[in-house]
Amino acid sequence: MIGEWVALPLAAAAGSNEPGDAISEQFLYPVAHQLLERCDAVFRIEGESRGADEDVRLARELGKLVYWDFESIPICGR
């Protein structure tokens, strides 16, 4: 699950015109962080992203598993 999949439609319903505007920023990270609280693990794909880095930081703070490559995910790396 990617936080934007949930946050962006909510932000649009609240009047956001584009990702990154003030309204979308009110939803993006708070929604992503609420989702992280309910996840078992995080899969961090390559690429620069402050938001993804923050998700990893929060996941670790919450004691969640963080995977960096597909093969390390137990069910996928068999």
PDB file of N, CA and C in Angstrom:
ATOM      1  N   MET A   1       0.857  -1.170   0.000  1.00  0.00           N
ATOM      2  CA  MET A   1       0.000   0.000   0.000  1.00  0.00           C
ATOM      3  C   MET A   1       0.897   1.224   0.000  1.00  0.00           C
ATOM      4  N   ILE A   2       0.600   2.147  -0.820  1.00  0.00           N
ATOM      5  CA  ILE A   2       1.344   3.401  -0.886  1.00  0.00           C
ATOM      6  C   ILE A   2       0.438   4.505  -0.349  1.00  0.00           C
ATOM      7  N   GLY A   3       0.960   5.298   0.568  1.00  0.00           N
ATOM      8  CA  GLY A   3       0.161   6.335   1.214  1.00  0.00           C
ATOM      9  C   GLY A   3      -0.526   7.276   0.254  1.00  0.00           C
ATOM     10  N   GLU A   4       0.146   7.589  -0.850  1.00  0.00           N
ATOM     11  CA  GLU A   4      -0.431   8.505  -1.832  1.00  0.00           C
ATOM     12  C   GLU A   4      -1.718   7.953  -2.444  1.00  0.00           C
ATOM     13  N   TRP A   5      -1.823   6.634  -2.518  1.00  0.00           N
ATOM     14  CA  TRP A   5      -3.028   6.026  -3.087  1.00  0.00           C
ATOM     15  C   TRP A   5      -4.266   6.407  -2.281  1.00  0.00           C
ATOM     16  N   VAL A   6      -4.084   6.629  -1.009  1.00  0.00           N
ATOM     17  CA  VAL A   6      -5.187   7.015  -0.137  1.00  0.00           C
ATOM     18  C   VAL A   6      -5.233   8.535   0.043  1.00  0.00           C
ATOM     19  N   ALA A   7      -4.062   9.123   0.262  1.00  0.00           N
ATOM     20  CA  ALA A   7      -4.005  10.545   0.611  1.00  0.00           C
ATOM     21  C   ALA A   7      -4.409  11.471  -0.529  1.00  0.00           C
ATOM     22  N   LEU A   8      -3.955  11.189  -1.741  1.00  0.00           N
ATOM     23  CA  LEU A   8      -4.240  12.122  -2.844  1.00  0.00           C
ATOM     24  C   LEU A   8      -5.728  12.230  -3.168  1.00  0.00           C
ATOM     25  N   PRO A   9      -6.491  11.125  -3.212  1.00  0.00           N
ATOM     26  CA  PRO A   9      -7.935  11.291  -3.431  1.00  0.00           C
ATOM     27  C   PRO A   9      -8.621  12.061  -2.289  1.00  0.00           C
ATOM     28  N   LEU A  10      -8.155  11.843  -1.050  1.00  0.00           N
ATOM     29  CA  LEU A  10      -8.723  12.598   0.070  1.00  0.00           C
ATOM     30  C   LEU A  10      -8.408  14.079  -0.062  1.00  0.00           C
ATOM     31  N   ALA A  11      -7.172  14.378  -0.434  1.00  0.00           N
ATOM     32  CA  ALA A  11      -6.781  15.775  -0.617  1.00  0.00           C
ATOM     33  C   ALA A  11      -7.572  16.420  -1.747  1.00  0.00           C
ATOM     34  N   ALA A  12      -7.768  15.691  -2.836  1.00  0.00           N
ATOM     35  CA  ALA A  12      -8.554  16.227  -3.955  1.00  0.00           C
ATOM     36  C   ALA A  12      -9.980  16.525  -3.514  1.00  0.00           C
ATOM     37  N   ALA A  13     -10.549  15.626  -2.720  1.00  0.00           N
ATOM     38  CA  ALA A  13     -11.911  15.850  -2.229  1.00  0.00           C
ATOM     39  C   ALA A  13     -11.973  17.071  -1.310  1.00  0.00           C
ATOM     40  N   ALA A  14     -10.850  17.383  -0.670  1.00  0.00           N
ATOM     41  CA  ALA A  14     -10.789  18.545   0.220  1.00  0.00           C
ATOM     42  C   ALA A  14     -10.462  19.832  -0.527  1.00  0.00           C
ATOM     43  N   GLY A  15     -10.219  19.741  -1.853  1.00  0.00           N
ATOM     44  CA  GLY A  15      -9.991  20.935  -2.643  1.00  0.00           C
ATOM     45  C   GLY A  15      -8.583  21.119  -3.175  1.00  0.00           C
ATOM     46  N   SER A  16      -7.720  20.124  -2.999  1.00  0.00           N
ATOM     47  CA  SER A  16      -6.366  20.219  -3.534  1.00  0.00           C
ATOM     48  C   SER A  16      -6.413  20.251  -5.055  1.00  0.00           C
ATOM     49  N   ASN A  17      -5.558  21.088  -5.646  1.00  0.00           N
ATOM     50  CA  ASN A  17      -5.495  21.184  -7.096  1.00  0.00           C
ATOM     51  C   ASN A  17      -4.348  20.396  -7.704  1.00  0.00           C
ATOM     52  N   GLU A  18      -3.304  20.105  -6.897  1.00  0.00           N
ATOM     53  CA  GLU A  18      -2.161  19.346  -7.388  1.00  0.00           C
ATOM     54  C   GLU A  18      -1.330  18.841  -6.217  1.00  0.00           C
ATOM     55  N   PRO A  19      -0.629  17.726  -6.419  1.00  0.00           N
ATOM     56  CA  PRO A  19       0.260  17.237  -5.364  1.00  0.00           C
ATOM     57  C   PRO A  19       1.284  18.320  -5.009  1.00  0.00           C
ATOM     58  N   GLY A  20       1.498  18.500  -3.724  1.00  0.00           N
ATOM     59  CA  GLY A  20       2.452  19.495  -3.259  1.00  0.00           C
ATOM     60  C   GLY A  20       1.835  20.805  -2.820  1.00  0.00           C
ATOM     61  N   ASP A  21       0.555  21.027  -3.155  1.00  0.00           N
ATOM     62  CA  ASP A  21      -0.062  22.269  -2.679  1.00  0.00           C
ATOM     63  C   ASP A  21      -0.376  22.132  -1.189  1.00  0.00           C
ATOM     64  N   ALA A  22      -0.766  23.229  -0.585  1.00  0.00           N
ATOM     65  CA  ALA A  22      -0.958  23.260   0.873  1.00  0.00           C
ATOM     66  C   ALA A  22      -1.977  22.235   1.355  1.00  0.00           C
ATOM     67  N   ILE A  23      -3.055  22.061   0.608  1.00  0.00           N
ATOM     68  CA  ILE A  23      -4.082  21.102   1.026  1.00  0.00           C
ATOM     69  C   ILE A  23      -3.549  19.672   0.953  1.00  0.00           C
ATOM     70  N   SER A  24      -2.871  19.320  -0.138  1.00  0.00           N
ATOM     71  CA  SER A  24      -2.364  17.947  -0.258  1.00  0.00           C
ATOM     72  C   SER A  24      -1.338  17.648   0.831  1.00  0.00           C
ATOM     73  N   GLU A  25      -0.539  18.641   1.209  1.00  0.00           N
ATOM     74  CA  GLU A  25       0.468  18.438   2.256  1.00  0.00           C
ATOM     75  C   GLU A  25      -0.178  18.148   3.607  1.00  0.00           C
ATOM     76  N   GLN A  26      -1.404  18.636   3.814  1.00  0.00           N
ATOM     77  CA  GLN A  26      -2.113  18.358   5.060  1.00  0.00           C
ATOM     78  C   GLN A  26      -2.529  16.890   5.148  1.00  0.00           C
ATOM     79  N   PHE A  27      -2.604  16.215   4.003  1.00  0.00           N
ATOM     80  CA  PHE A  27      -3.046  14.826   3.976  1.00  0.00           C
ATOM     81  C   PHE A  27      -1.917  13.830   3.765  1.00  0.00           C
ATOM     82  N   LEU A  28      -0.978  14.153   2.896  1.00  0.00           N
ATOM     83  CA  LEU A  28       0.003  13.186   2.416  1.00  0.00           C
ATOM     84  C   LEU A  28       0.729  12.447   3.534  1.00  0.00           C
ATOM     85  N   TYR A  29       1.482  13.135   4.348  1.00  0.00           N
ATOM     86  CA  TYR A  29       2.275  12.461   5.364  1.00  0.00           C
ATOM     87  C   TYR A  29       1.441  11.933   6.528  1.00  0.00           C
ATOM     88  N   PRO A  30       0.461  12.675   7.015  1.00  0.00           N
ATOM     89  CA  PRO A  30      -0.356  12.107   8.093  1.00  0.00           C
ATOM     90  C   PRO A  30      -1.047  10.796   7.692  1.00  0.00           C
ATOM     91  N   VAL A  31      -1.572  10.726   6.480  1.00  0.00           N
ATOM     92  CA  VAL A  31      -2.228   9.487   6.030  1.00  0.00           C
ATOM     93  C   VAL A  31      -1.209   8.366   5.902  1.00  0.00           C
ATOM     94  N   ALA A  32      -0.057   8.653   5.298  1.00  0.00           N
ATOM     95  CA  ALA A  32       0.986   7.638   5.157  1.00  0.00           C
ATOM     96  C   ALA A  32       1.415   7.111   6.521  1.00  0.00           C
ATOM     97  N   HIS A  33       1.542   7.988   7.486  1.00  0.00           N
ATOM     98  CA  HIS A  33       1.977   7.566   8.813  1.00  0.00           C
ATOM     99  C   HIS A  33       0.914   6.735   9.514  1.00  0.00           C
ATOM    100  N   GLN A  34      -0.342   7.052   9.303  1.00  0.00           N
ATOM    101  CA  GLN A  34      -1.408   6.228   9.877  1.00  0.00           C
ATOM    102  C   GLN A  34      -1.404   4.832   9.255  1.00  0.00           C
ATOM    103  N   LEU A  35      -1.154   4.743   7.960  1.00  0.00           N
ATOM    104  CA  LEU A  35      -1.067   3.438   7.304  1.00  0.00           C
ATOM    105  C   LEU A  35       0.110   2.635   7.849  1.00  0.00           C
ATOM    106  N   LEU A  36       1.239   3.288   8.058  1.00  0.00           N
ATOM    107  CA  LEU A  36       2.417   2.599   8.586  1.00  0.00           C
ATOM    108  C   LEU A  36       2.141   1.950   9.933  1.00  0.00           C
ATOM    109  N   GLU A  37       1.322   2.575  10.731  1.00  0.00           N
ATOM    110  CA  GLU A  37       0.997   2.010  12.039  1.00  0.00           C
ATOM    111  C   GLU A  37       0.293   0.666  11.904  1.00  0.00           C
ATOM    112  N   ARG A  38      -0.338   0.417  10.777  1.00  0.00           N
ATOM    113  CA  ARG A  38      -1.108  -0.807  10.563  1.00  0.00           C
ATOM    114  C   ARG A  38      -0.388  -1.845   9.699  1.00  0.00           C
ATOM    115  N   CYS A  39       0.759  -1.482   9.170  1.00  0.00           N
ATOM    116  CA  CYS A  39       1.525  -2.378   8.299  1.00  0.00           C
ATOM    117  C   CYS A  39       2.429  -3.292   9.114  1.00  0.00           C
ATOM    118  N   ASP A  40       2.779  -4.436   8.521  1.00  0.00           N
ATOM    119  CA  ASP A  40       3.734  -5.343   9.152  1.00  0.00           C
ATOM    120  C   ASP A  40       5.166  -4.979   8.788  1.00  0.00           C
ATOM    121  N   ALA A  41       5.358  -4.422   7.609  1.00  0.00           N
ATOM    122  CA  ALA A  41       6.704  -4.142   7.112  1.00  0.00           C
ATOM    123  C   ALA A  41       6.646  -3.066   6.035  1.00  0.00           C
ATOM    124  N   VAL A  42       7.843  -2.575   5.686  1.00  0.00           N
ATOM    125  CA  VAL A  42       7.991  -1.580   4.631  1.00  0.00           C
ATOM    126  C   VAL A  42       8.980  -2.115   3.605  1.00  0.00           C
ATOM    127  N   PHE A  43       8.666  -1.921   2.343  1.00  0.00           N
ATOM    128  CA  PHE A  43       9.596  -2.244   1.261  1.00  0.00           C
ATOM    129  C   PHE A  43      10.029  -0.923   0.653  1.00  0.00           C
ATOM    130  N   ARG A  44      11.307  -0.584   0.849  1.00  0.00           N
ATOM    131  CA  ARG A  44      11.841   0.694   0.354  1.00  0.00           C
ATOM    132  C   ARG A  44      12.506   0.452  -0.992  1.00  0.00           C
ATOM    133  N   ILE A  45      11.908   0.989  -2.045  1.00  0.00           N
ATOM    134  CA  ILE A  45      12.495   0.851  -3.372  1.00  0.00           C
ATOM    135  C   ILE A  45      13.579   1.902  -3.556  1.00  0.00           C
ATOM    136  N   GLU A  46      14.451   1.664  -4.522  1.00  0.00           N
ATOM    137  CA  GLU A  46      15.547   2.588  -4.779  1.00  0.00           C
ATOM    138  C   GLU A  46      15.032   3.938  -5.256  1.00  0.00           C
ATOM    139  N   GLY A  47      15.840   4.935  -5.048  1.00  0.00           N
ATOM    140  CA  GLY A  47      15.515   6.277  -5.526  1.00  0.00           C
ATOM    141  C   GLY A  47      15.451   7.262  -4.389  1.00  0.00           C
ATOM    142  N   GLU A  48      15.751   8.487  -4.732  1.00  0.00           N
ATOM    143  CA  GLU A  48      15.747   9.544  -3.742  1.00  0.00           C
ATOM    144  C   GLU A  48      14.324   9.960  -3.418  1.00  0.00           C
ATOM    145  N   SER A  49      13.992   9.963  -2.135  1.00  0.00           N
ATOM    146  CA  SER A  49      12.663  10.387  -1.709  1.00  0.00           C
ATOM    147  C   SER A  49      12.707  10.715  -0.220  1.00  0.00           C
ATOM    148  N   ARG A  50      12.521  11.978   0.095  1.00  0.00           N
ATOM    149  CA  ARG A  50      12.472  12.361   1.515  1.00  0.00           C
ATOM    150  C   ARG A  50      11.295  11.693   2.205  1.00  0.00           C
ATOM    151  N   GLY A  51      10.171  11.609   1.502  1.00  0.00           N
ATOM    152  CA  GLY A  51       8.991  10.985   2.096  1.00  0.00           C
ATOM    153  C   GLY A  51       9.220   9.509   2.399  1.00  0.00           C
ATOM    154  N   ALA A  52       9.835   8.791   1.464  1.00  0.00           N
ATOM    155  CA  ALA A  52      10.118   7.372   1.692  1.00  0.00           C
ATOM    156  C   ALA A  52      11.135   7.191   2.805  1.00  0.00           C
ATOM    157  N   ASP A  53      12.119   8.074   2.859  1.00  0.00           N
ATOM    158  CA  ASP A  53      13.098   8.010   3.946  1.00  0.00           C
ATOM    159  C   ASP A  53      12.424   8.242   5.297  1.00  0.00           C
ATOM    160  N   GLU A  54      11.481   9.150   5.327  1.00  0.00           N
ATOM    161  CA  GLU A  54      10.732   9.403   6.563  1.00  0.00           C
ATOM    162  C   GLU A  54       9.874   8.191   6.915  1.00  0.00           C
ATOM    163  N   ASP A  55       9.290   7.540   5.913  1.00  0.00           N
ATOM    164  CA  ASP A  55       8.516   6.318   6.172  1.00  0.00           C
ATOM    165  C   ASP A  55       9.396   5.245   6.801  1.00  0.00           C
ATOM    166  N   VAL A  56      10.618   5.078   6.288  1.00  0.00           N
ATOM    167  CA  VAL A  56      11.549   4.096   6.845  1.00  0.00           C
ATOM    168  C   VAL A  56      11.891   4.460   8.290  1.00  0.00           C
ATOM    169  N   ARG A  57      12.164   5.736   8.527  1.00  0.00           N
ATOM    170  CA  ARG A  57      12.484   6.175   9.896  1.00  0.00           C
ATOM    171  C   ARG A  57      11.340   5.856  10.854  1.00  0.00           C
ATOM    172  N   LEU A  58      10.118   6.192  10.445  1.00  0.00           N
ATOM    173  CA  LEU A  58       8.959   5.945  11.291  1.00  0.00           C
ATOM    174  C   LEU A  58       8.713   4.449  11.458  1.00  0.00           C
ATOM    175  N   ALA A  59       8.866   3.690  10.386  1.00  0.00           N
ATOM    176  CA  ALA A  59       8.678   2.237  10.474  1.00  0.00           C
ATOM    177  C   ALA A  59       9.634   1.639  11.503  1.00  0.00           C
ATOM    178  N   ARG A  60      10.877   2.057  11.461  1.00  0.00           N
ATOM    179  CA  ARG A  60      11.862   1.555  12.435  1.00  0.00           C
ATOM    180  C   ARG A  60      11.482   1.977  13.844  1.00  0.00           C
ATOM    181  N   GLU A  61      11.039   3.211  13.991  1.00  0.00           N
ATOM    182  CA  GLU A  61      10.614   3.706  15.299  1.00  0.00           C
ATOM    183  C   GLU A  61       9.463   2.860  15.847  1.00  0.00           C
ATOM    184  N   LEU A  62       8.592   2.417  14.945  1.00  0.00           N
ATOM    185  CA  LEU A  62       7.444   1.592  15.335  1.00  0.00           C
ATOM    186  C   LEU A  62       7.795   0.112  15.464  1.00  0.00           C
ATOM    187  N   GLY A  63       9.049  -0.238  15.189  1.00  0.00           N
ATOM    188  CA  GLY A  63       9.473  -1.633  15.295  1.00  0.00           C
ATOM    189  C   GLY A  63       9.079  -2.499  14.114  1.00  0.00           C
ATOM    190  N   LYS A  64       8.799  -1.874  12.983  1.00  0.00           N
ATOM    191  CA  LYS A  64       8.412  -2.613  11.778  1.00  0.00           C
ATOM    192  C   LYS A  64       9.650  -3.116  11.042  1.00  0.00           C
ATOM    193  N   LEU A  65       9.484  -4.179  10.283  1.00  0.00           N
ATOM    194  CA  LEU A  65      10.551  -4.673   9.424  1.00  0.00           C
ATOM    195  C   LEU A  65      10.691  -3.742   8.221  1.00  0.00           C
ATOM    196  N   VAL A  66      11.921  -3.548   7.768  1.00  0.00           N
ATOM    197  CA  VAL A  66      12.180  -2.748   6.572  1.00  0.00           C
ATOM    198  C   VAL A  66      12.993  -3.601   5.612  1.00  0.00           C
ATOM    199  N   TYR A  67      12.476  -3.768   4.408  1.00  0.00           N
ATOM    200  CA  TYR A  67      13.158  -4.551   3.375  1.00  0.00           C
ATOM    201  C   TYR A  67      13.662  -3.605   2.298  1.00  0.00           C
ATOM    202  N   TRP A  68      14.865  -3.924   1.779  1.00  0.00           N
ATOM    203  CA  TRP A  68      15.508  -3.077   0.787  1.00  0.00           C
ATOM    204  C   TRP A  68      15.612  -3.747  -0.570  1.00  0.00           C
ATOM    205  N   ASP A  69      15.372  -5.050  -0.621  1.00  0.00           N
ATOM    206  CA  ASP A  69      15.385  -5.743  -1.909  1.00  0.00           C
ATOM    207  C   ASP A  69      14.327  -6.843  -1.878  1.00  0.00           C
ATOM    208  N   PHE A  70      13.774  -7.106  -3.029  1.00  0.00           N
ATOM    209  CA  PHE A  70      12.648  -8.024  -3.179  1.00  0.00           C
ATOM    210  C   PHE A  70      12.970  -9.414  -2.633  1.00  0.00           C
ATOM    211  N   GLU A  71      14.186  -9.896  -2.891  1.00  0.00           N
ATOM    212  CA  GLU A  71      14.563 -11.248  -2.490  1.00  0.00           C
ATOM    213  C   GLU A  71      14.630 -11.415  -0.978  1.00  0.00           C
ATOM    214  N   SER A  72      14.790 -10.339  -0.231  1.00  0.00           N
ATOM    215  CA  SER A  72      14.880 -10.449   1.221  1.00  0.00           C
ATOM    216  C   SER A  72      13.518 -10.591   1.882  1.00  0.00           C
ATOM    217  N   ILE A  73      12.445 -10.360   1.145  1.00  0.00           N
ATOM    218  CA  ILE A  73      11.092 -10.529   1.699  1.00  0.00           C
ATOM    219  C   ILE A  73      10.839 -12.035   1.764  1.00  0.00           C
ATOM    220  N   PRO A  74      10.609 -12.587   2.958  1.00  0.00           N
ATOM    221  CA  PRO A  74      10.535 -14.036   3.119  1.00  0.00           C
ATOM    222  C   PRO A  74       9.624 -14.761   2.122  1.00  0.00           C
ATOM    223  N   ILE A  75       8.458 -14.282   1.888  1.00  0.00           N
ATOM    224  CA  ILE A  75       7.527 -14.981   1.008  1.00  0.00           C
ATOM    225  C   ILE A  75       7.920 -14.869  -0.470  1.00  0.00           C
ATOM    226  N   CYS A  76       8.717 -13.860  -0.792  1.00  0.00           N
ATOM    227  CA  CYS A  76       9.122 -13.635  -2.186  1.00  0.00           C
ATOM    228  C   CYS A  76      10.483 -14.248  -2.516  1.00  0.00           C
ATOM    229  N   GLY A  77      11.342 -14.381  -1.519  1.00  0.00           N
ATOM    230  CA  GLY A  77      12.698 -14.818  -1.767  1.00  0.00           C
ATOM    231  C   GLY A  77      12.911 -16.324  -1.707  1.00  0.00           C
ATOM    232  N   ARG A  78      11.837 -17.071  -1.695  1.00  0.00           N
ATOM    233  CA  ARG A  78      11.944 -18.537  -1.611  1.00  0.00           C
ATOM    234  C   ARG A  78      12.579 -19.136  -2.821  1.00  0.00           C
TER     235      ARG A  78
END
